[in-house]
Amino acid sequence: MPKIIGLVVNRTKPNAVQVTQQIVKAIGACSGQVFIEEEAAHALGMSEYALSTSDFHGKVDLIFVLGGDGTLLGAARHFACFEIPMLGINIGHLGFLSEAEPDNLEESVQRVLNGDFYLERRMMIETVVMRNGTCVHRNIALNDVGVGKSSFARMIQLGVYVDNQFYDEYFGDGVLVSTPTGSTAYSLSCGGPVVVPNLQVMLVTPICAHKLVVRPIVIGATQQIRIKVAARHRDFGLTVDGQVGFPLESGDEVIVSKAACDTVLIRWQERAFFSILQEKLRGD
C-alpha cells in the first residue's frame, strides 16, 4: 500500500494553506510520509517538506494535486512519463477531474493509505509541429490540442488529414483534437460529443467553421491526424490543454497522435462517470 505522498499545490487558491496543512496532518496521523513541491513548500511556510518535482519519481508512491482541473492538467503533463498515480483534490471551481473535496480530506487520505481505490488510465495525445520539414515544437496533452486564431484575427484555413487521407477543409476560428477526457472540456462547448474516458479514440472538433454543414468526427487512437495551416496573417497558434501556447506560421503542419504514456488517476469505486457528468455539467 502507498505510504509516501507528494503534494502539488496551486498556491493561488484562497484555501491552499489550510487544505495543505490538513492533508499533511492527516497523512502523519496515518503513519504516512509527505513531500511538497519545493516552491509551494517554501511559499506556504512548510520548507521541512520541500522536494523538487524532478525528484518525485522514485521517492513518492503517488501524488495529491490540490487545485482545480487546470492544476491537474499541468501535473498530468509534468508527471505523465513516470505514470505516478494522482488524486485530484478540488480547491478550484469545477473540479471535474478531481475525486476528493476539502470537506472529506481525512477520509480521502485514509482511503488512499489503506489502498481503498482503483487506478484509471487516461489516454494522452502527443502533438508535433513541423515547419519546412523540421520539428519545431513537441508536447503532450491530457485534454486537447487546439489550432486557432487569436481573438480579433481573421479566419484561418485548415486542411485536416487522417492517416494522410484528406478529410475536410475548414475556414473559421480553428479546430480541436481531443482525448476522451477532453471531450467534456472545450470540445463540448464547440458541439463535440461526450466520450466515456476508457475509450481509445480521438475527437476532431471544428471551432466556428464557416460552413452550412460541419460535424465533429471520432477516430481510432491508432490513427494520426495532420492539420495543414494557412492564413494571410500571423495571428494564430497552437494551444495545449489551454495552458501552453506556441505561435504557428502559414504552411506549418500540426501532427497529433496517441502519446506513449497515460495519466493514471486514483478513483473511488462508488463514483461513476455519468453521475459525475450530471453533478458537474448539468448546469442547474
Foldseek 3Di string as FASTA:
>chain_A
DWAEEEEEFDVVQPCRLVLVVVLCVLSVVVVGHYAYDQVVCVVSVNNVRYDHPVPCQPPGQAYEYEEAPVSVFVVCQVCQVSQRAYAYEYSYDQRLVHAHYSVCSNVVSVCVVVVQWDKDWFWKKKKFKADPRDTPDIGIGRFKKWWFFDDPDAWKKKFKAKQNHTDDIFTAGTKMKTALVNCPPVVVVQVGDRDPRNAAKIKIGGHGTPDPDDDIDIGGQQMKMKMAIADPDQGIWMDGPNPDTDGDDHGMMMMMHIDPGTHMYIHHPVDDSVVSCCVRPVPD
